[in-house]
Amino acid sequence: MTAIKESSTIQENKQYALEKCPVTYVMEKIGGYWKPIIIYHLSGGSKRYSELKRAIPAITEKMLIQHLKQLEADNLVIREAKPVVPPFVTYRLSNAGNGLMPVIEAMASWAFKDKEDGFNAS
């Protein structure tokens, strides 16, 4: 993979945005299509990989694995593996991940209201 120049204008602008705009910081952690959906599904408690895959059937295995790893690296999700055969791995929200629940719940509330308003407008 190509190394990123730390002194590039893009990197400087990104760093400036992260420092000055808290929304940029949040989007850096949970941005993208799938991460908020994964967090939403983990809000009910620990889930195994297969349970997440069933709960989010449209996500590919590659994307689910990739985003779970990123969420774990950002300390939003905790991965617990038990040393048994076959492997028993569960994912749950960390304290930081649980701290995002008001944001995720606000998104869900907005979605329900917007969908309802859309149906009533017809």
PDB file of N, CA and C in Angstrom:
ATOM      1  N   MET A   1       0.833  -1.167   0.000  1.00  0.00           N
ATOM      2  CA  MET A   1       0.000   0.000   0.000  1.00  0.00           C
ATOM      3  C   MET A   1       0.887   1.242   0.000  1.00  0.00           C
ATOM      4  N   THR A   2       0.421   2.293  -0.611  1.00  0.00           N
ATOM      5  CA  THR A   2       1.182   3.533  -0.707  1.00  0.00           C
ATOM      6  C   THR A   2       1.186   4.249   0.632  1.00  0.00           C
ATOM      7  N   ALA A   3       2.347   4.724   1.027  1.00  0.00           N
ATOM      8  CA  ALA A   3       2.468   5.473   2.279  1.00  0.00           C
ATOM      9  C   ALA A   3       1.851   6.856   2.114  1.00  0.00           C
ATOM     10  N   ILE A   4       1.231   7.336   3.173  1.00  0.00           N
ATOM     11  CA  ILE A   4       0.606   8.656   3.147  1.00  0.00           C
ATOM     12  C   ILE A   4       1.601   9.672   3.689  1.00  0.00           C
ATOM     13  N   LYS A   5       1.803  10.727   2.909  1.00  0.00           N
ATOM     14  CA  LYS A   5       2.683  11.796   3.374  1.00  0.00           C
ATOM     15  C   LYS A   5       1.975  12.549   4.485  1.00  0.00           C
ATOM     16  N   GLU A   6       2.623  12.630   5.639  1.00  0.00           N
ATOM     17  CA  GLU A   6       2.014  13.316   6.770  1.00  0.00           C
ATOM     18  C   GLU A   6       1.921  14.816   6.554  1.00  0.00           C
ATOM     19  N   SER A   7       2.779  15.362   5.689  1.00  0.00           N
ATOM     20  CA  SER A   7       2.791  16.805   5.493  1.00  0.00           C
ATOM     21  C   SER A   7       1.954  17.246   4.289  1.00  0.00           C
ATOM     22  N   SER A   8       1.201  16.340   3.688  1.00  0.00           N
ATOM     23  CA  SER A   8       0.411  16.719   2.524  1.00  0.00           C
ATOM     24  C   SER A   8      -0.707  17.678   2.925  1.00  0.00           C
ATOM     25  N   THR A   9      -1.149  18.468   1.963  1.00  0.00           N
ATOM     26  CA  THR A   9      -2.212  19.440   2.212  1.00  0.00           C
ATOM     27  C   THR A   9      -3.489  18.742   2.643  1.00  0.00           C
ATOM     28  N   ILE A  10      -3.799  17.622   2.025  1.00  0.00           N
ATOM     29  CA  ILE A  10      -5.014  16.883   2.370  1.00  0.00           C
ATOM     30  C   ILE A  10      -4.951  16.432   3.825  1.00  0.00           C
ATOM     31  N   GLN A  11      -3.809  15.889   4.245  1.00  0.00           N
ATOM     32  CA  GLN A  11      -3.656  15.436   5.628  1.00  0.00           C
ATOM     33  C   GLN A  11      -3.729  16.605   6.610  1.00  0.00           C
ATOM     34  N   GLU A  12      -3.142  17.735   6.229  1.00  0.00           N
ATOM     35  CA  GLU A  12      -3.214  18.919   7.091  1.00  0.00           C
ATOM     36  C   GLU A  12      -4.653  19.405   7.215  1.00  0.00           C
ATOM     37  N   ASN A  13      -5.390  19.428   6.108  1.00  0.00           N
ATOM     38  CA  ASN A  13      -6.789  19.851   6.137  1.00  0.00           C
ATOM     39  C   ASN A  13      -7.633  18.889   6.971  1.00  0.00           C
ATOM     40  N   LYS A  14      -7.360  17.600   6.824  1.00  0.00           N
ATOM     41  CA  LYS A  14      -8.096  16.601   7.585  1.00  0.00           C
ATOM     42  C   LYS A  14      -7.825  16.761   9.074  1.00  0.00           C
ATOM     43  N   GLN A  15      -6.572  16.965   9.436  1.00  0.00           N
ATOM     44  CA  GLN A  15      -6.204  17.151  10.844  1.00  0.00           C
ATOM     45  C   GLN A  15      -6.855  18.412  11.399  1.00  0.00           C
ATOM     46  N   TYR A  16      -6.868  19.479  10.614  1.00  0.00           N
ATOM     47  CA  TYR A  16      -7.499  20.732  11.028  1.00  0.00           C
ATOM     48  C   TYR A  16      -8.988  20.501  11.282  1.00  0.00           C
ATOM     49  N   ALA A  17      -9.655  19.786  10.366  1.00  0.00           N
ATOM     50  CA  ALA A  17     -11.086  19.515  10.510  1.00  0.00           C
ATOM     51  C   ALA A  17     -11.353  18.668  11.749  1.00  0.00           C
ATOM     52  N   LEU A  18     -10.497  17.681  12.004  1.00  0.00           N
ATOM     53  CA  LEU A  18     -10.679  16.831  13.180  1.00  0.00           C
ATOM     54  C   LEU A  18     -10.555  17.638  14.471  1.00  0.00           C
ATOM     55  N   GLU A  19      -9.644  18.607  14.481  1.00  0.00           N
ATOM     56  CA  GLU A  19      -9.434  19.422  15.675  1.00  0.00           C
ATOM     57  C   GLU A  19     -10.546  20.448  15.877  1.00  0.00           C
ATOM     58  N   LYS A  20     -11.071  21.011  14.794  1.00  0.00           N
ATOM     59  CA  LYS A  20     -12.023  22.117  14.886  1.00  0.00           C
ATOM     60  C   LYS A  20     -13.489  21.692  14.861  1.00  0.00           C
ATOM     61  N   CYS A  21     -13.776  20.516  14.325  1.00  0.00           N
ATOM     62  CA  CYS A  21     -15.175  20.121  14.147  1.00  0.00           C
ATOM     63  C   CYS A  21     -15.430  18.763  14.807  1.00  0.00           C
ATOM     64  N   PRO A  22     -16.187  18.731  15.891  1.00  0.00           N
ATOM     65  CA  PRO A  22     -16.430  17.464  16.576  1.00  0.00           C
ATOM     66  C   PRO A  22     -17.198  16.461  15.722  1.00  0.00           C
ATOM     67  N   VAL A  23     -18.017  16.940  14.797  1.00  0.00           N
ATOM     68  CA  VAL A  23     -18.761  16.031  13.925  1.00  0.00           C
ATOM     69  C   VAL A  23     -17.791  15.282  13.007  1.00  0.00           C
ATOM     70  N   THR A  24     -16.746  15.961  12.562  1.00  0.00           N
ATOM     71  CA  THR A  24     -15.730  15.304  11.745  1.00  0.00           C
ATOM     72  C   THR A  24     -15.078  14.175  12.524  1.00  0.00           C
ATOM     73  N   TYR A  25     -14.810  14.412  13.797  1.00  0.00           N
ATOM     74  CA  TYR A  25     -14.210  13.371  14.641  1.00  0.00           C
ATOM     75  C   TYR A  25     -15.129  12.151  14.739  1.00  0.00           C
ATOM     76  N   VAL A  26     -16.430  12.393  14.964  1.00  0.00           N
ATOM     77  CA  VAL A  26     -17.386  11.291  15.064  1.00  0.00           C
ATOM     78  C   VAL A  26     -17.468  10.539  13.741  1.00  0.00           C
ATOM     79  N   MET A  27     -17.538  11.275  12.645  1.00  0.00           N
ATOM     80  CA  MET A  27     -17.650  10.623  11.338  1.00  0.00           C
ATOM     81  C   MET A  27     -16.392   9.830  10.994  1.00  0.00           C
ATOM     82  N   GLU A  28     -15.261  10.267  11.506  1.00  0.00           N
ATOM     83  CA  GLU A  28     -14.019   9.520  11.317  1.00  0.00           C
ATOM     84  C   GLU A  28     -14.124   8.158  11.993  1.00  0.00           C
ATOM     85  N   LYS A  29     -14.842   8.097  13.106  1.00  0.00           N
ATOM     86  CA  LYS A  29     -15.000   6.847  13.858  1.00  0.00           C
ATOM     87  C   LYS A  29     -16.131   5.972  13.320  1.00  0.00           C
ATOM     88  N   ILE A  30     -17.277   6.574  13.009  1.00  0.00           N
ATOM     89  CA  ILE A  30     -18.439   5.767  12.631  1.00  0.00           C
ATOM     90  C   ILE A  30     -18.938   6.068  11.220  1.00  0.00           C
ATOM     91  N   GLY A  31     -18.133   6.800  10.437  1.00  0.00           N
ATOM     92  CA  GLY A  31     -18.559   7.157   9.091  1.00  0.00           C
ATOM     93  C   GLY A  31     -18.726   5.944   8.196  1.00  0.00           C
ATOM     94  N   GLY A  32     -19.395   6.151   7.115  1.00  0.00           N
ATOM     95  CA  GLY A  32     -19.657   5.061   6.190  1.00  0.00           C
ATOM     96  C   GLY A  32     -21.060   4.530   6.394  1.00  0.00           C
ATOM     97  N   TYR A  33     -21.431   3.627   5.544  1.00  0.00           N
ATOM     98  CA  TYR A  33     -22.797   3.111   5.544  1.00  0.00           C
ATOM     99  C   TYR A  33     -23.029   2.087   6.641  1.00  0.00           C
ATOM    100  N   TRP A  34     -22.084   1.181   6.866  1.00  0.00           N
ATOM    101  CA  TRP A  34     -22.330   0.008   7.700  1.00  0.00           C
ATOM    102  C   TRP A  34     -22.047   0.188   9.183  1.00  0.00           C
ATOM    103  N   LYS A  35     -21.112   1.033   9.562  1.00  0.00           N
ATOM    104  CA  LYS A  35     -20.721   1.120  10.973  1.00  0.00           C
ATOM    105  C   LYS A  35     -21.877   1.502  11.899  1.00  0.00           C
ATOM    106  N   PRO A  36     -22.669   2.527  11.586  1.00  0.00           N
ATOM    107  CA  PRO A  36     -23.796   2.837  12.476  1.00  0.00           C
ATOM    108  C   PRO A  36     -24.804   1.688  12.562  1.00  0.00           C
ATOM    109  N   ILE A  37     -24.970   0.950  11.469  1.00  0.00           N
ATOM    110  CA  ILE A  37     -25.904  -0.182  11.457  1.00  0.00           C
ATOM    111  C   ILE A  37     -25.387  -1.291  12.367  1.00  0.00           C
ATOM    112  N   ILE A  38     -24.091  -1.561  12.310  1.00  0.00           N
ATOM    113  CA  ILE A  38     -23.485  -2.574  13.182  1.00  0.00           C
ATOM    114  C   ILE A  38     -23.641  -2.154  14.642  1.00  0.00           C
ATOM    115  N   ILE A  39     -23.350  -0.885  14.926  1.00  0.00           N
ATOM    116  CA  ILE A  39     -23.482  -0.385  16.300  1.00  0.00           C
ATOM    117  C   ILE A  39     -24.929  -0.514  16.778  1.00  0.00           C
ATOM    118  N   TYR A  40     -25.871  -0.181  15.917  1.00  0.00           N
ATOM    119  CA  TYR A  40     -27.294  -0.300  16.254  1.00  0.00           C
ATOM    120  C   TYR A  40     -27.636  -1.729  16.648  1.00  0.00           C
ATOM    121  N   HIS A  41     -27.160  -2.693  15.872  1.00  0.00           N
ATOM    122  CA  HIS A  41     -27.482  -4.096  16.156  1.00  0.00           C
ATOM    123  C   HIS A  41     -26.762  -4.614  17.400  1.00  0.00           C
ATOM    124  N   LEU A  42     -25.635  -4.035  17.746  1.00  0.00           N
ATOM    125  CA  LEU A  42     -24.928  -4.439  18.962  1.00  0.00           C
ATOM    126  C   LEU A  42     -25.500  -3.760  20.205  1.00  0.00           C
ATOM    127  N   SER A  43     -26.394  -2.796  20.008  1.00  0.00           N
ATOM    128  CA  SER A  43     -26.951  -2.074  21.159  1.00  0.00           C
ATOM    129  C   SER A  43     -27.778  -2.978  22.054  1.00  0.00           C
ATOM    130  N   GLY A  44     -28.270  -4.076  21.510  1.00  0.00           N
ATOM    131  CA  GLY A  44     -29.075  -5.007  22.299  1.00  0.00           C
ATOM    132  C   GLY A  44     -28.245  -5.970  23.128  1.00  0.00           C
ATOM    133  N   GLY A  45     -26.934  -5.923  22.985  1.00  0.00           N
ATOM    134  CA  GLY A  45     -26.061  -6.817  23.747  1.00  0.00           C
ATOM    135  C   GLY A  45     -25.104  -7.557  22.835  1.00  0.00           C
ATOM    136  N   SER A  46     -24.340  -8.460  23.438  1.00  0.00           N
ATOM    137  CA  SER A  46     -23.333  -9.219  22.696  1.00  0.00           C
ATOM    138  C   SER A  46     -23.962 -10.049  21.588  1.00  0.00           C
ATOM    139  N   LYS A  47     -23.248 -10.115  20.476  1.00  0.00           N
ATOM    140  CA  LYS A  47     -23.701 -10.934  19.354  1.00  0.00           C
ATOM    141  C   LYS A  47     -22.508 -11.653  18.746  1.00  0.00           C
ATOM    142  N   ARG A  48     -22.763 -12.846  18.261  1.00  0.00           N
ATOM    143  CA  ARG A  48     -21.747 -13.570  17.515  1.00  0.00           C
ATOM    144  C   ARG A  48     -21.748 -13.036  16.090  1.00  0.00           C
ATOM    145  N   TYR A  49     -20.669 -13.333  15.364  1.00  0.00           N
ATOM    146  CA  TYR A  49     -20.540 -12.884  13.984  1.00  0.00           C
ATOM    147  C   TYR A  49     -21.757 -13.334  13.166  1.00  0.00           C
ATOM    148  N   SER A  50     -22.136 -14.598  13.309  1.00  0.00           N
ATOM    149  CA  SER A  50     -23.248 -15.141  12.516  1.00  0.00           C
ATOM    150  C   SER A  50     -24.567 -14.432  12.836  1.00  0.00           C
ATOM    151  N   GLU A  51     -24.746 -14.014  14.092  1.00  0.00           N
ATOM    152  CA  GLU A  51     -25.955 -13.284  14.458  1.00  0.00           C
ATOM    153  C   GLU A  51     -25.980 -11.906  13.801  1.00  0.00           C
ATOM    154  N   LEU A  52     -24.823 -11.260  13.752  1.00  0.00           N
ATOM    155  CA  LEU A  52     -24.736  -9.967  13.068  1.00  0.00           C
ATOM    156  C   LEU A  52     -25.002 -10.129  11.583  1.00  0.00           C
ATOM    157  N   LYS A  53     -24.434 -11.164  10.996  1.00  0.00           N
ATOM    158  CA  LYS A  53     -24.616 -11.404   9.556  1.00  0.00           C
ATOM    159  C   LYS A  53     -26.091 -11.635   9.251  1.00  0.00           C
ATOM    160  N   ARG A  54     -26.782 -12.400  10.103  1.00  0.00           N
ATOM    161  CA  ARG A  54     -28.223 -12.636   9.909  1.00  0.00           C
ATOM    162  C   ARG A  54     -29.031 -11.357  10.098  1.00  0.00           C
ATOM    163  N   ALA A  55     -28.615 -10.532  11.064  1.00  0.00           N
ATOM    164  CA  ALA A  55     -29.341  -9.291  11.349  1.00  0.00           C
ATOM    165  C   ALA A  55     -29.161  -8.254  10.246  1.00  0.00           C
ATOM    166  N   ILE A  56     -28.026  -8.340   9.524  1.00  0.00           N
ATOM    167  CA  ILE A  56     -27.718  -7.382   8.451  1.00  0.00           C
ATOM    168  C   ILE A  56     -27.438  -8.182   7.174  1.00  0.00           C
ATOM    169  N   PRO A  57     -28.456  -8.779   6.566  1.00  0.00           N
ATOM    170  CA  PRO A  57     -28.210  -9.686   5.437  1.00  0.00           C
ATOM    171  C   PRO A  57     -27.598  -9.020   4.203  1.00  0.00           C
ATOM    172  N   ALA A  58     -27.761  -7.715   4.048  1.00  0.00           N
ATOM    173  CA  ALA A  58     -27.239  -7.050   2.848  1.00  0.00           C
ATOM    174  C   ALA A  58     -25.734  -6.825   2.888  1.00  0.00           C
ATOM    175  N   ILE A  59     -25.114  -6.923   4.067  1.00  0.00           N
ATOM    176  CA  ILE A  59     -23.678  -6.663   4.181  1.00  0.00           C
ATOM    177  C   ILE A  59     -22.898  -7.900   3.737  1.00  0.00           C
ATOM    178  N   THR A  60     -21.816  -7.682   3.029  1.00  0.00           N
ATOM    179  CA  THR A  60     -20.970  -8.807   2.625  1.00  0.00           C
ATOM    180  C   THR A  60     -20.097  -9.229   3.801  1.00  0.00           C
ATOM    181  N   GLU A  61     -19.617 -10.450   3.754  1.00  0.00           N
ATOM    182  CA  GLU A  61     -18.739 -10.930   4.818  1.00  0.00           C
ATOM    183  C   GLU A  61     -17.493 -10.064   4.925  1.00  0.00           C
ATOM    184  N   LYS A  62     -16.939  -9.691   3.773  1.00  0.00           N
ATOM    185  CA  LYS A  62     -15.729  -8.868   3.756  1.00  0.00           C
ATOM    186  C   LYS A  62     -15.963  -7.545   4.476  1.00  0.00           C
ATOM    187  N   MET A  63     -17.078  -6.891   4.173  1.00  0.00           N
ATOM    188  CA  MET A  63     -17.369  -5.590   4.784  1.00  0.00           C
ATOM    189  C   MET A  63     -17.647  -5.729   6.278  1.00  0.00           C
ATOM    190  N   LEU A  64     -18.365  -6.781   6.664  1.00  0.00           N
ATOM    191  CA  LEU A  64     -18.662  -6.968   8.082  1.00  0.00           C
ATOM    192  C   LEU A  64     -17.376  -7.193   8.872  1.00  0.00           C
ATOM    193  N   ILE A  65     -16.515  -8.064   8.370  1.00  0.00           N
ATOM    194  CA  ILE A  65     -15.236  -8.319   9.040  1.00  0.00           C
ATOM    195  C   ILE A  65     -14.400  -7.051   9.110  1.00  0.00           C
ATOM    196  N   GLN A  66     -14.306  -6.341   7.983  1.00  0.00           N
ATOM    197  CA  GLN A  66     -13.503  -5.114   7.915  1.00  0.00           C
ATOM    198  C   GLN A  66     -14.003  -4.069   8.909  1.00  0.00           C
ATOM    199  N   HIS A  67     -15.305  -3.852   8.948  1.00  0.00           N
ATOM    200  CA  HIS A  67     -15.849  -2.825   9.833  1.00  0.00           C
ATOM    201  C   HIS A  67     -15.783  -3.230  11.306  1.00  0.00           C
ATOM    202  N   LEU A  68     -15.968  -4.508  11.598  1.00  0.00           N
ATOM    203  CA  LEU A  68     -15.807  -4.958  12.978  1.00  0.00           C
ATOM    204  C   LEU A  68     -14.375  -4.719  13.456  1.00  0.00           C
ATOM    205  N   LYS A  69     -13.403  -4.993  12.592  1.00  0.00           N
ATOM    206  CA  LYS A  69     -11.998  -4.749  12.948  1.00  0.00           C
ATOM    207  C   LYS A  69     -11.737  -3.264  13.166  1.00  0.00           C
ATOM    208  N   GLN A  70     -12.302  -2.411  12.300  1.00  0.00           N
ATOM    209  CA  GLN A  70     -12.117  -0.965  12.454  1.00  0.00           C
ATOM    210  C   GLN A  70     -12.782  -0.453  13.722  1.00  0.00           C
ATOM    211  N   LEU A  71     -13.988  -0.939  14.004  1.00  0.00           N
ATOM    212  CA  LEU A  71     -14.686  -0.519  15.220  1.00  0.00           C
ATOM    213  C   LEU A  71     -13.926  -0.985  16.466  1.00  0.00           C
ATOM    214  N   GLU A  72     -13.325  -2.158  16.380  1.00  0.00           N
ATOM    215  CA  GLU A  72     -12.506  -2.649  17.491  1.00  0.00           C
ATOM    216  C   GLU A  72     -11.249  -1.792  17.652  1.00  0.00           C
ATOM    217  N   ALA A  73     -10.605  -1.455  16.534  1.00  0.00           N
ATOM    218  CA  ALA A  73      -9.401  -0.617  16.580  1.00  0.00           C
ATOM    219  C   ALA A  73      -9.710   0.773  17.137  1.00  0.00           C
ATOM    220  N   ASP A  74     -10.912   1.272  16.894  1.00  0.00           N
ATOM    221  CA  ASP A  74     -11.329   2.580  17.398  1.00  0.00           C
ATOM    222  C   ASP A  74     -11.912   2.501  18.811  1.00  0.00           C
ATOM    223  N   ASN A  75     -11.813   1.314  19.428  1.00  0.00           N
ATOM    224  CA  ASN A  75     -12.292   1.086  20.797  1.00  0.00           C
ATOM    225  C   ASN A  75     -13.789   1.326  20.968  1.00  0.00           C
ATOM    226  N   LEU A  76     -14.559   1.047  19.918  1.00  0.00           N
ATOM    227  CA  LEU A  76     -16.006   1.168  20.013  1.00  0.00           C
ATOM    228  C   LEU A  76     -16.663  -0.191  20.222  1.00  0.00           C
ATOM    229  N   VAL A  77     -15.961  -1.244  19.815  1.00  0.00           N
ATOM    230  CA  VAL A  77     -16.461  -2.613  19.932  1.00  0.00           C
ATOM    231  C   VAL A  77     -15.396  -3.456  20.615  1.00  0.00           C
ATOM    232  N   ILE A  78     -15.847  -4.374  21.459  1.00  0.00           N
ATOM    233  CA  ILE A  78     -14.940  -5.320  22.112  1.00  0.00           C
ATOM    234  C   ILE A  78     -15.189  -6.700  21.532  1.00  0.00           C
ATOM    235  N   ARG A  79     -14.106  -7.317  21.080  1.00  0.00           N
ATOM    236  CA  ARG A  79     -14.170  -8.679  20.530  1.00  0.00           C
ATOM    237  C   ARG A  79     -13.685  -9.629  21.605  1.00  0.00           C
ATOM    238  N   GLU A  80     -14.527 -10.601  21.943  1.00  0.00           N
ATOM    239  CA  GLU A  80     -14.157 -11.596  22.941  1.00  0.00           C
ATOM    240  C   GLU A  80     -14.118 -12.969  22.285  1.00  0.00           C
ATOM    241  N   ALA A  81     -12.956 -13.612  22.343  1.00  0.00           N
ATOM    242  CA  ALA A  81     -12.782 -14.942  21.765  1.00  0.00           C
ATOM    243  C   ALA A  81     -12.518 -15.940  22.875  1.00  0.00           C
ATOM    244  N   LYS A  82     -13.298 -16.995  22.888  1.00  0.00           N
ATOM    245  CA  LYS A  82     -13.084 -18.051  23.878  1.00  0.00           C
ATOM    246  C   LYS A  82     -12.245 -19.145  23.224  1.00  0.00           C
ATOM    247  N   PRO A  83     -11.242 -19.649  23.940  1.00  0.00           N
ATOM    248  CA  PRO A  83     -10.341 -20.648  23.345  1.00  0.00           C
ATOM    249  C   PRO A  83     -10.956 -22.045  23.295  1.00  0.00           C
ATOM    250  N   VAL A  84     -11.937 -22.195  22.426  1.00  0.00           N
ATOM    251  CA  VAL A  84     -12.583 -23.496  22.241  1.00  0.00           C
ATOM    252  C   VAL A  84     -12.593 -23.830  20.762  1.00  0.00           C
ATOM    253  N   VAL A  85     -12.879 -25.083  20.453  1.00  0.00           N
ATOM    254  CA  VAL A  85     -13.002 -25.511  19.059  1.00  0.00           C
ATOM    255  C   VAL A  85     -14.433 -25.972  18.871  1.00  0.00           C
ATOM    256  N   PRO A  86     -15.176 -25.433  17.914  1.00  0.00           N
ATOM    257  CA  PRO A  86     -14.830 -24.319  17.023  1.00  0.00           C
ATOM    258  C   PRO A  86     -14.769 -23.001  17.796  1.00  0.00           C
ATOM    259  N   PRO A  87     -14.110 -21.996  17.207  1.00  0.00           N
ATOM    260  CA  PRO A  87     -13.951 -20.711  17.895  1.00  0.00           C
ATOM    261  C   PRO A  87     -15.304 -20.103  18.270  1.00  0.00           C
ATOM    262  N   PHE A  88     -15.359 -19.508  19.432  1.00  0.00           N
ATOM    263  CA  PHE A  88     -16.566 -18.834  19.913  1.00  0.00           C
ATOM    264  C   PHE A  88     -16.203 -17.375  20.138  1.00  0.00           C
ATOM    265  N   VAL A  89     -16.618 -16.522  19.212  1.00  0.00           N
ATOM    266  CA  VAL A  89     -16.270 -15.100  19.261  1.00  0.00           C
ATOM    267  C   VAL A  89     -17.554 -14.287  19.372  1.00  0.00           C
ATOM    268  N   THR A  90     -17.548 -13.350  20.304  1.00  0.00           N
ATOM    269  CA  THR A  90     -18.680 -12.442  20.430  1.00  0.00           C
ATOM    270  C   THR A  90     -18.186 -11.004  20.317  1.00  0.00           C
ATOM    271  N   TYR A  91     -19.083 -10.133  19.922  1.00  0.00           N
ATOM    272  CA  TYR A  91     -18.802  -8.698  19.812  1.00  0.00           C
ATOM    273  C   TYR A  91     -19.817  -7.963  20.669  1.00  0.00           C
ATOM    274  N   ARG A  92     -19.336  -6.934  21.351  1.00  0.00           N
ATOM    275  CA  ARG A  92     -20.227  -6.086  22.151  1.00  0.00           C
ATOM    276  C   ARG A  92     -19.685  -4.664  22.123  1.00  0.00           C
ATOM    277  N   LEU A  93     -20.548  -3.729  22.469  1.00  0.00           N
ATOM    278  CA  LEU A  93     -20.126  -2.339  22.501  1.00  0.00           C
ATOM    279  C   LEU A  93     -19.256  -2.078  23.725  1.00  0.00           C
ATOM    280  N   SER A  94     -18.229  -1.292  23.539  1.00  0.00           N
ATOM    281  CA  SER A  94     -17.400  -0.834  24.653  1.00  0.00           C
ATOM    282  C   SER A  94     -18.129   0.329  25.327  1.00  0.00           C
ATOM    283  N   ASN A  95     -17.540   0.879  26.369  1.00  0.00           N
ATOM    284  CA  ASN A  95     -18.127   2.065  27.009  1.00  0.00           C
ATOM    285  C   ASN A  95     -18.230   3.213  26.009  1.00  0.00           C
ATOM    286  N   ALA A  96     -17.194   3.373  25.181  1.00  0.00           N
ATOM    287  CA  ALA A  96     -17.225   4.432  24.162  1.00  0.00           C
ATOM    288  C   ALA A  96     -18.328   4.148  23.137  1.00  0.00           C
ATOM    289  N   GLY A  97     -18.478   2.883  22.761  1.00  0.00           N
ATOM    290  CA  GLY A  97     -19.541   2.501  21.822  1.00  0.00           C
ATOM    291  C   GLY A  97     -20.915   2.764  22.410  1.00  0.00           C
ATOM    292  N   ASN A  98     -21.089   2.429  23.690  1.00  0.00           N
ATOM    293  CA  ASN A  98     -22.362   2.717  24.361  1.00  0.00           C
ATOM    294  C   ASN A  98     -22.609   4.219  24.450  1.00  0.00           C
ATOM    295  N   GLY A  99     -21.535   4.995  24.526  1.00  0.00           N
ATOM    296  CA  GLY A  99     -21.670   6.445  24.554  1.00  0.00           C
ATOM    297  C   GLY A  99     -22.250   7.014  23.267  1.00  0.00           C
ATOM    298  N   LEU A 100     -22.140   6.252  22.194  1.00  0.00           N
ATOM    299  CA  LEU A 100     -22.707   6.680  20.912  1.00  0.00           C
ATOM    300  C   LEU A 100     -24.201   6.359  20.786  1.00  0.00           C
ATOM    301  N   MET A 101     -24.751   5.614  21.737  1.00  0.00           N
ATOM    302  CA  MET A 101     -26.144   5.193  21.608  1.00  0.00           C
ATOM    303  C   MET A 101     -27.135   6.356  21.490  1.00  0.00           C
ATOM    304  N   PRO A 102     -26.966   7.467  22.206  1.00  0.00           N
ATOM    305  CA  PRO A 102     -27.903   8.587  21.975  1.00  0.00           C
ATOM    306  C   PRO A 102     -27.880   9.076  20.522  1.00  0.00           C
ATOM    307  N   VAL A 103     -26.712   9.037  19.885  1.00  0.00           N
ATOM    308  CA  VAL A 103     -26.599   9.455  18.480  1.00  0.00           C
ATOM    309  C   VAL A 103     -27.322   8.451  17.587  1.00  0.00           C
ATOM    310  N   ILE A 104     -27.078   7.166  17.818  1.00  0.00           N
ATOM    311  CA  ILE A 104     -27.706   6.110  17.012  1.00  0.00           C
ATOM    312  C   ILE A 104     -29.218   6.126  17.226  1.00  0.00           C
ATOM    313  N   GLU A 105     -29.650   6.296  18.477  1.00  0.00           N
ATOM    314  CA  GLU A 105     -31.090   6.359  18.772  1.00  0.00           C
ATOM    315  C   GLU A 105     -31.731   7.581  18.124  1.00  0.00           C
ATOM    316  N   ALA A 106     -31.027   8.708  18.096  1.00  0.00           N
ATOM    317  CA  ALA A 106     -31.550   9.900  17.426  1.00  0.00           C
ATOM    318  C   ALA A 106     -31.697   9.650  15.929  1.00  0.00           C
ATOM    319  N   MET A 107     -30.731   8.943  15.342  1.00  0.00           N
ATOM    320  CA  MET A 107     -30.833   8.608  13.920  1.00  0.00           C
ATOM    321  C   MET A 107     -32.043   7.714  13.663  1.00  0.00           C
ATOM    322  N   ALA A 108     -32.253   6.725  14.538  1.00  0.00           N
ATOM    323  CA  ALA A 108     -33.387   5.815  14.382  1.00  0.00           C
ATOM    324  C   ALA A 108     -34.712   6.565  14.549  1.00  0.00           C
ATOM    325  N   SER A 109     -34.795   7.432  15.548  1.00  0.00           N
ATOM    326  CA  SER A 109     -36.025   8.217  15.765  1.00  0.00           C
ATOM    327  C   SER A 109     -36.325   9.095  14.566  1.00  0.00           C
ATOM    328  N   TRP A 110     -35.285   9.739  14.052  1.00  0.00           N
ATOM    329  CA  TRP A 110     -35.469  10.590  12.878  1.00  0.00           C
ATOM    330  C   TRP A 110     -35.974   9.768  11.706  1.00  0.00           C
ATOM    331  N   ALA A 111     -35.402   8.570  11.520  1.00  0.00           N
ATOM    332  CA  ALA A 111     -35.810   7.712  10.399  1.00  0.00           C
ATOM    333  C   ALA A 111     -37.285   7.329  10.503  1.00  0.00           C
ATOM    334  N   PHE A 112     -37.728   6.917  11.706  1.00  0.00           N
ATOM    335  CA  PHE A 112     -39.135   6.550  11.887  1.00  0.00           C
ATOM    336  C   PHE A 112     -40.050   7.738  11.621  1.00  0.00           C
ATOM    337  N   LYS A 113     -39.673   8.902  12.120  1.00  0.00           N
ATOM    338  CA  LYS A 113     -40.491  10.103  11.925  1.00  0.00           C
ATOM    339  C   LYS A 113     -40.526  10.508  10.459  1.00  0.00           C
ATOM    340  N   ASP A 114     -39.372  10.491   9.797  1.00  0.00           N
ATOM    341  CA  ASP A 114     -39.299  10.887   8.392  1.00  0.00           C
ATOM    342  C   ASP A 114     -40.106   9.927   7.519  1.00  0.00           C
ATOM    343  N   LYS A 115     -39.998   8.629   7.814  1.00  0.00           N
ATOM    344  CA  LYS A 115     -40.777   7.642   7.035  1.00  0.00           C
ATOM    345  C   LYS A 115     -42.276   7.862   7.244  1.00  0.00           C
ATOM    346  N   GLU A 116     -42.678   8.135   8.499  1.00  0.00           N
ATOM    347  CA  GLU A 116     -44.072   8.379   8.797  1.00  0.00           C
ATOM    348  C   GLU A 116     -44.563   9.650   8.089  1.00  0.00           C
ATOM    349  N   ASP A 117     -43.760  10.719   8.141  1.00  0.00           N
ATOM    350  CA  ASP A 117     -44.126  11.951   7.470  1.00  0.00           C
ATOM    351  C   ASP A 117     -44.249  11.747   5.961  1.00  0.00           C
ATOM    352  N   GLY A 118     -43.380  10.910   5.414  1.00  0.00           N
ATOM    353  CA  GLY A 118     -43.430  10.626   3.978  1.00  0.00           C
ATOM    354  C   GLY A 118     -44.692   9.892   3.579  1.00  0.00           C
ATOM    355  N   PHE A 119     -45.151   8.973   4.452  1.00  0.00           N
ATOM    356  CA  PHE A 119     -46.375   8.229   4.174  1.00  0.00           C
ATOM    357  C   PHE A 119     -47.593   9.131   4.322  1.00  0.00           C
ATOM    358  N   ASN A 120     -47.555  10.045   5.293  1.00  0.00           N
ATOM    359  CA  ASN A 120     -48.694  10.940   5.537  1.00  0.00           C
ATOM    360  C   ASN A 120     -48.799  12.033   4.487  1.00  0.00           C
ATOM    361  N   ALA A 121     -47.696  12.344   3.809  1.00  0.00           N
ATOM    362  CA  ALA A 121     -47.696  13.408   2.809  1.00  0.00           C
ATOM    363  C   ALA A 121     -48.385  12.966   1.516  1.00  0.00           C
ATOM    364  N   SER A 122     -48.456  11.663   1.297  1.00  0.00           N
ATOM    365  CA  SER A 122     -49.054  11.175   0.043  1.00  0.00           C
ATOM    366  C   SER A 122     -50.544  11.326   0.028  1.00  0.00           C
TER     367      SER A 122
END
